[in-house]
Amino acid sequence: MILLLQGCESKKTLNKCEIPQTLLNVPSVDLNRSINTQSETALFMLDLYEAYEKCAINLKSIKRLQNGK
């Protein structure tokens, strides 16, 4: 799904509602980093949580657009 979203056009139409590209962007998280300490683990977890929150906010915005609110 991530690959599909990254390859989208500038706007997509979903249920006759235009979705701006900014709402379809998936935040990137460096999954190839080396984690050797608790501090590095904590920073990685924060990065994952931040990316998740951005996706959740974008999803709520898309739902509002679909519902016309």
PDB file of N, CA and C in Angstrom:
ATOM      1  N   MET A   1       0.816  -1.189   0.000  1.00  0.00           N
ATOM      2  CA  MET A   1       0.000   0.000   0.000  1.00  0.00           C
ATOM      3  C   MET A   1       0.857   1.249   0.000  1.00  0.00           C
ATOM      4  N   ILE A   2       1.965   1.225   0.732  1.00  0.00           N
ATOM      5  CA  ILE A   2       2.834   2.393   0.791  1.00  0.00           C
ATOM      6  C   ILE A   2       3.349   2.737  -0.600  1.00  0.00           C
ATOM      7  N   LEU A   3       3.770   1.733  -1.355  1.00  0.00           N
ATOM      8  CA  LEU A   3       4.272   1.983  -2.697  1.00  0.00           C
ATOM      9  C   LEU A   3       3.190   2.572  -3.586  1.00  0.00           C
ATOM     10  N   LEU A   4       1.969   2.103  -3.423  1.00  0.00           N
ATOM     11  CA  LEU A   4       0.876   2.652  -4.210  1.00  0.00           C
ATOM     12  C   LEU A   4       0.634   4.110  -3.879  1.00  0.00           C
ATOM     13  N   LEU A   5       0.669   4.452  -2.604  1.00  0.00           N
ATOM     14  CA  LEU A   5       0.428   5.835  -2.204  1.00  0.00           C
ATOM     15  C   LEU A   5       1.545   6.748  -2.665  1.00  0.00           C
ATOM     16  N   GLN A   6       2.785   6.286  -2.635  1.00  0.00           N
ATOM     17  CA  GLN A   6       3.902   7.122  -3.037  1.00  0.00           C
ATOM     18  C   GLN A   6       3.887   7.403  -4.531  1.00  0.00           C
ATOM     19  N   GLY A   7       3.270   6.531  -5.306  1.00  0.00           N
ATOM     20  CA  GLY A   7       3.233   6.713  -6.745  1.00  0.00           C
ATOM     21  C   GLY A   7       1.989   7.424  -7.248  1.00  0.00           C
ATOM     22  N   CYS A   8       1.205   8.003  -6.377  1.00  0.00           N
ATOM     23  CA  CYS A   8      -0.040   8.650  -6.772  1.00  0.00           C
ATOM     24  C   CYS A   8       0.211   9.938  -7.544  1.00  0.00           C
ATOM     25  N   GLU A   9      -0.804  10.340  -8.275  1.00  0.00           N
ATOM     26  CA  GLU A   9      -0.756  11.604  -8.985  1.00  0.00           C
ATOM     27  C   GLU A   9      -0.871  12.736  -7.969  1.00  0.00           C
ATOM     28  N   SER A  10      -0.913  13.985  -8.466  1.00  0.00           N
ATOM     29  CA  SER A  10      -0.985  15.114  -7.544  1.00  0.00           C
ATOM     30  C   SER A  10      -2.297  15.132  -6.770  1.00  0.00           C
ATOM     31  N   LYS A  11      -3.363  14.630  -7.377  1.00  0.00           N
ATOM     32  CA  LYS A  11      -4.648  14.541  -6.670  1.00  0.00           C
ATOM     33  C   LYS A  11      -5.328  13.252  -7.090  1.00  0.00           C
ATOM     34  N   LYS A  12      -6.017  12.637  -6.176  1.00  0.00           N
ATOM     35  CA  LYS A  12      -6.804  11.443  -6.473  1.00  0.00           C
ATOM     36  C   LYS A  12      -8.262  11.754  -6.188  1.00  0.00           C
ATOM     37  N   THR A  13      -9.141  11.109  -6.919  1.00  0.00           N
ATOM     38  CA  THR A  13     -10.569  11.267  -6.689  1.00  0.00           C
ATOM     39  C   THR A  13     -11.077  10.022  -5.997  1.00  0.00           C
ATOM     40  N   LEU A  14     -11.708  10.228  -4.862  1.00  0.00           N
ATOM     41  CA  LEU A  14     -12.243   9.130  -4.078  1.00  0.00           C
ATOM     42  C   LEU A  14     -13.675   9.492  -3.711  1.00  0.00           C
ATOM     43  N   ASN A  15     -14.629   8.710  -4.184  1.00  0.00           N
ATOM     44  CA  ASN A  15     -16.046   9.008  -3.959  1.00  0.00           C
ATOM     45  C   ASN A  15     -16.392  10.425  -4.413  1.00  0.00           C
ATOM     46  N   LYS A  16     -15.897  10.802  -5.597  1.00  0.00           N
ATOM     47  CA  LYS A  16     -16.148  12.122  -6.188  1.00  0.00           C
ATOM     48  C   LYS A  16     -15.613  13.258  -5.330  1.00  0.00           C
ATOM     49  N   CYS A  17     -14.552  13.000  -4.613  1.00  0.00           N
ATOM     50  CA  CYS A  17     -13.928  13.998  -3.745  1.00  0.00           C
ATOM     51  C   CYS A  17     -12.436  14.024  -4.057  1.00  0.00           C
ATOM     52  N   GLU A  18     -11.894  15.187  -4.375  1.00  0.00           N
ATOM     53  CA  GLU A  18     -10.468  15.266  -4.682  1.00  0.00           C
ATOM     54  C   GLU A  18      -9.654  15.249  -3.396  1.00  0.00           C
ATOM     55  N   ILE A  19      -8.663  14.365  -3.363  1.00  0.00           N
ATOM     56  CA  ILE A  19      -7.783  14.235  -2.203  1.00  0.00           C
ATOM     57  C   ILE A  19      -6.433  14.850  -2.563  1.00  0.00           C
ATOM     58  N   PRO A  20      -5.990  15.887  -1.868  1.00  0.00           N
ATOM     59  CA  PRO A  20      -4.688  16.493  -2.162  1.00  0.00           C
ATOM     60  C   PRO A  20      -3.545  15.512  -1.905  1.00  0.00           C
ATOM     61  N   GLN A  21      -2.505  15.615  -2.717  1.00  0.00           N
ATOM     62  CA  GLN A  21      -1.339  14.740  -2.602  1.00  0.00           C
ATOM     63  C   GLN A  21      -0.737  14.789  -1.200  1.00  0.00           C
ATOM     64  N   THR A  22      -0.771  15.933  -0.557  1.00  0.00           N
ATOM     65  CA  THR A  22      -0.162  16.052   0.771  1.00  0.00           C
ATOM     66  C   THR A  22      -0.799  15.098   1.778  1.00  0.00           C
ATOM     67  N   LEU A  23      -2.069  14.763   1.579  1.00  0.00           N
ATOM     68  CA  LEU A  23      -2.733  13.830   2.482  1.00  0.00           C
ATOM     69  C   LEU A  23      -2.410  12.382   2.150  1.00  0.00           C
ATOM     70  N   LEU A  24      -1.861  12.128   0.956  1.00  0.00           N
ATOM     71  CA  LEU A  24      -1.519  10.772   0.549  1.00  0.00           C
ATOM     72  C   LEU A  24      -0.059  10.432   0.821  1.00  0.00           C
ATOM     73  N   ASN A  25       0.729  11.434   1.183  1.00  0.00           N
ATOM     74  CA  ASN A  25       2.142  11.187   1.463  1.00  0.00           C
ATOM     75  C   ASN A  25       2.302  10.371   2.735  1.00  0.00           C
ATOM     76  N   VAL A  26       3.172   9.391   2.671  1.00  0.00           N
ATOM     77  CA  VAL A  26       3.456   8.539   3.819  1.00  0.00           C
ATOM     78  C   VAL A  26       4.790   8.983   4.408  1.00  0.00           C
ATOM     79  N   PRO A  27       4.821   9.348   5.689  1.00  0.00           N
ATOM     80  CA  PRO A  27       6.096   9.758   6.293  1.00  0.00           C
ATOM     81  C   PRO A  27       7.110   8.617   6.247  1.00  0.00           C
ATOM     82  N   SER A  28       8.351   8.962   5.949  1.00  0.00           N
ATOM     83  CA  SER A  28       9.378   7.916   5.888  1.00  0.00           C
ATOM     84  C   SER A  28      10.089   7.798   7.231  1.00  0.00           C
ATOM     85  N   VAL A  29      10.397   6.573   7.584  1.00  0.00           N
ATOM     86  CA  VAL A  29      11.143   6.277   8.796  1.00  0.00           C
ATOM     87  C   VAL A  29      12.315   5.393   8.373  1.00  0.00           C
ATOM     88  N   ASP A  30      13.499   5.729   8.814  1.00  0.00           N
ATOM     89  CA  ASP A  30      14.682   4.952   8.469  1.00  0.00           C
ATOM     90  C   ASP A  30      14.646   3.624   9.209  1.00  0.00           C
ATOM     91  N   LEU A  31      14.284   2.575   8.479  1.00  0.00           N
ATOM     92  CA  LEU A  31      14.189   1.250   9.085  1.00  0.00           C
ATOM     93  C   LEU A  31      15.520   0.505   9.058  1.00  0.00           C
ATOM     94  N   ASN A  32      16.510   1.074   8.387  1.00  0.00           N
ATOM     95  CA  ASN A  32      17.802   0.408   8.253  1.00  0.00           C
ATOM     96  C   ASN A  32      18.842   0.929   9.242  1.00  0.00           C
ATOM     97  N   ARG A  33      18.425   1.746  10.171  1.00  0.00           N
ATOM     98  CA  ARG A  33      19.380   2.281  11.145  1.00  0.00           C
ATOM     99  C   ARG A  33      19.805   1.186  12.127  1.00  0.00           C
ATOM    100  N   SER A  34      20.991   1.341  12.652  1.00  0.00           N
ATOM    101  CA  SER A  34      21.439   0.385  13.666  1.00  0.00           C
ATOM    102  C   SER A  34      21.048   0.924  15.042  1.00  0.00           C
ATOM    103  N   ILE A  35      20.512   0.043  15.849  1.00  0.00           N
ATOM    104  CA  ILE A  35      20.050   0.415  17.190  1.00  0.00           C
ATOM    105  C   ILE A  35      20.841  -0.416  18.186  1.00  0.00           C
ATOM    106  N   ASN A  36      21.663   0.291  18.986  1.00  0.00           N
ATOM    107  CA  ASN A  36      22.537  -0.407  19.925  1.00  0.00           C
ATOM    108  C   ASN A  36      22.313  -0.025  21.388  1.00  0.00           C
ATOM    109  N   THR A  37      21.604   1.070  21.607  1.00  0.00           N
ATOM    110  CA  THR A  37      21.408   1.529  22.980  1.00  0.00           C
ATOM    111  C   THR A  37      19.924   1.780  23.237  1.00  0.00           C
ATOM    112  N   GLN A  38      19.602   1.971  24.502  1.00  0.00           N
ATOM    113  CA  GLN A  38      18.217   2.288  24.855  1.00  0.00           C
ATOM    114  C   GLN A  38      17.813   3.644  24.291  1.00  0.00           C
ATOM    115  N   SER A  39      18.742   4.579  24.265  1.00  0.00           N
ATOM    116  CA  SER A  39      18.436   5.904  23.713  1.00  0.00           C
ATOM    117  C   SER A  39      18.099   5.813  22.232  1.00  0.00           C
ATOM    118  N   GLU A  40      18.869   5.021  21.491  1.00  0.00           N
ATOM    119  CA  GLU A  40      18.594   4.840  20.071  1.00  0.00           C
ATOM    120  C   GLU A  40      17.266   4.130  19.854  1.00  0.00           C
ATOM    121  N   THR A  41      16.942   3.192  20.720  1.00  0.00           N
ATOM    122  CA  THR A  41      15.654   2.503  20.642  1.00  0.00           C
ATOM    123  C   THR A  41      14.514   3.485  20.896  1.00  0.00           C
ATOM    124  N   ALA A  42      14.682   4.326  21.889  1.00  0.00           N
ATOM    125  CA  ALA A  42      13.646   5.316  22.211  1.00  0.00           C
ATOM    126  C   ALA A  42      13.439   6.286  21.053  1.00  0.00           C
ATOM    127  N   LEU A  43      14.520   6.745  20.438  1.00  0.00           N
ATOM    128  CA  LEU A  43      14.400   7.671  19.306  1.00  0.00           C
ATOM    129  C   LEU A  43      13.706   6.997  18.121  1.00  0.00           C
ATOM    130  N   PHE A  44      14.035   5.731  17.883  1.00  0.00           N
ATOM    131  CA  PHE A  44      13.387   4.992  16.801  1.00  0.00           C
ATOM    132  C   PHE A  44      11.891   4.853  17.069  1.00  0.00           C
ATOM    133  N   MET A  45      11.535   4.516  18.291  1.00  0.00           N
ATOM    134  CA  MET A  45      10.119   4.369  18.647  1.00  0.00           C
ATOM    135  C   MET A  45       9.379   5.703  18.510  1.00  0.00           C
ATOM    136  N   LEU A  46      10.032   6.798  18.881  1.00  0.00           N
ATOM    137  CA  LEU A  46       9.414   8.119  18.723  1.00  0.00           C
ATOM    138  C   LEU A  46       9.200   8.450  17.251  1.00  0.00           C
ATOM    139  N   ASP A  47      10.184   8.107  16.408  1.00  0.00           N
ATOM    140  CA  ASP A  47      10.036   8.332  14.969  1.00  0.00           C
ATOM    141  C   ASP A  47       8.860   7.530  14.413  1.00  0.00           C
ATOM    142  N   LEU A  48       8.741   6.280  14.830  1.00  0.00           N
ATOM    143  CA  LEU A  48       7.621   5.447  14.376  1.00  0.00           C
ATOM    144  C   LEU A  48       6.284   6.016  14.833  1.00  0.00           C
ATOM    145  N   TYR A  49       6.218   6.438  16.077  1.00  0.00           N
ATOM    146  CA  TYR A  49       4.977   6.989  16.618  1.00  0.00           C
ATOM    147  C   TYR A  49       4.597   8.282  15.897  1.00  0.00           C
ATOM    148  N   GLU A  50       5.589   9.124  15.645  1.00  0.00           N
ATOM    149  CA  GLU A  50       5.332  10.383  14.945  1.00  0.00           C
ATOM    150  C   GLU A  50       4.787  10.119  13.535  1.00  0.00           C
ATOM    151  N   ALA A  51       5.379   9.155  12.832  1.00  0.00           N
ATOM    152  CA  ALA A  51       4.903   8.809  11.491  1.00  0.00           C
ATOM    153  C   ALA A  51       3.474   8.264  11.559  1.00  0.00           C
ATOM    154  N   TYR A  52       3.196   7.432  12.554  1.00  0.00           N
ATOM    155  CA  TYR A  52       1.853   6.886  12.738  1.00  0.00           C
ATOM    156  C   TYR A  52       0.845   8.016  12.981  1.00  0.00           C
ATOM    157  N   GLU A  53       1.201   8.949  13.828  1.00  0.00           N
ATOM    158  CA  GLU A  53       0.295  10.064  14.135  1.00  0.00           C
ATOM    159  C   GLU A  53       0.005  10.902  12.894  1.00  0.00           C
ATOM    160  N   LYS A  54       1.027  11.149  12.067  1.00  0.00           N
ATOM    161  CA  LYS A  54       0.812  11.912  10.832  1.00  0.00           C
ATOM    162  C   LYS A  54      -0.148  11.174   9.906  1.00  0.00           C
ATOM    163  N   CYS A  55       0.018   9.863   9.803  1.00  0.00           N
ATOM    164  CA  CYS A  55      -0.895   9.060   8.971  1.00  0.00           C
ATOM    165  C   CYS A  55      -2.314   9.114   9.525  1.00  0.00           C
ATOM    166  N   ALA A  56      -2.451   9.030  10.829  1.00  0.00           N
ATOM    167  CA  ALA A  56      -3.780   9.063  11.452  1.00  0.00           C
ATOM    168  C   ALA A  56      -4.460  10.412  11.205  1.00  0.00           C
ATOM    169  N   ILE A  57      -3.708  11.495  11.312  1.00  0.00           N
ATOM    170  CA  ILE A  57      -4.255  12.837  11.058  1.00  0.00           C
ATOM    171  C   ILE A  57      -4.691  12.959   9.601  1.00  0.00           C
ATOM    172  N   ASN A  58      -3.848  12.460   8.679  1.00  0.00           N
ATOM    173  CA  ASN A  58      -4.196  12.516   7.265  1.00  0.00           C
ATOM    174  C   ASN A  58      -5.444  11.690   6.972  1.00  0.00           C
ATOM    175  N   LEU A  59      -5.564  10.535   7.588  1.00  0.00           N
ATOM    176  CA  LEU A  59      -6.737   9.691   7.386  1.00  0.00           C
ATOM    177  C   LEU A  59      -8.001  10.395   7.872  1.00  0.00           C
ATOM    178  N   LYS A  60      -7.921  11.054   9.013  1.00  0.00           N
ATOM    179  CA  LYS A  60      -9.079  11.798   9.521  1.00  0.00           C
ATOM    180  C   LYS A  60      -9.456  12.919   8.560  1.00  0.00           C
ATOM    181  N   SER A  61      -8.455  13.589   7.989  1.00  0.00           N
ATOM    182  CA  SER A  61      -8.726  14.663   7.030  1.00  0.00           C
ATOM    183  C   SER A  61      -9.394  14.118   5.776  1.00  0.00           C
ATOM    184  N   ILE A  62      -8.938  12.970   5.300  1.00  0.00           N
ATOM    185  CA  ILE A  62      -9.549  12.347   4.117  1.00  0.00           C
ATOM    186  C   ILE A  62     -10.987  11.959   4.419  1.00  0.00           C
ATOM    187  N   LYS A  63     -11.246  11.417   5.585  1.00  0.00           N
ATOM    188  CA  LYS A  63     -12.617  11.056   5.959  1.00  0.00           C
ATOM    189  C   LYS A  63     -13.517  12.289   6.017  1.00  0.00           C
ATOM    190  N   ARG A  64     -12.977  13.406   6.534  1.00  0.00           N
ATOM    191  CA  ARG A  64     -13.766  14.659   6.580  1.00  0.00           C
ATOM    192  C   ARG A  64     -14.080  15.134   5.164  1.00  0.00           C
ATOM    193  N   LEU A  65     -13.099  15.042   4.253  1.00  0.00           N
ATOM    194  CA  LEU A  65     -13.337  15.439   2.869  1.00  0.00           C
ATOM    195  C   LEU A  65     -14.416  14.565   2.231  1.00  0.00           C
ATOM    196  N   GLN A  66     -14.373  13.283   2.497  1.00  0.00           N
ATOM    197  CA  GLN A  66     -15.364  12.362   1.943  1.00  0.00           C
ATOM    198  C   GLN A  66     -16.765  12.666   2.460  1.00  0.00           C
ATOM    199  N   ASN A  67     -16.841  13.056   3.719  1.00  0.00           N
ATOM    200  CA  ASN A  67     -18.147  13.322   4.328  1.00  0.00           C
ATOM    201  C   ASN A  67     -18.618  14.741   4.098  1.00  0.00           C
ATOM    202  N   GLY A  68     -17.797  15.560   3.421  1.00  0.00           N
ATOM    203  CA  GLY A  68     -18.181  16.919   3.129  1.00  0.00           C
ATOM    204  C   GLY A  68     -18.153  17.861   4.302  1.00  0.00           C
ATOM    205  N   LYS A  69     -17.312  17.554   5.275  1.00  0.00           N
ATOM    206  CA  LYS A  69     -17.240  18.402   6.477  1.00  0.00           C
ATOM    207  C   LYS A  69     -15.995  19.245   6.456  1.00  0.00           C
TER     208      LYS A  69
END
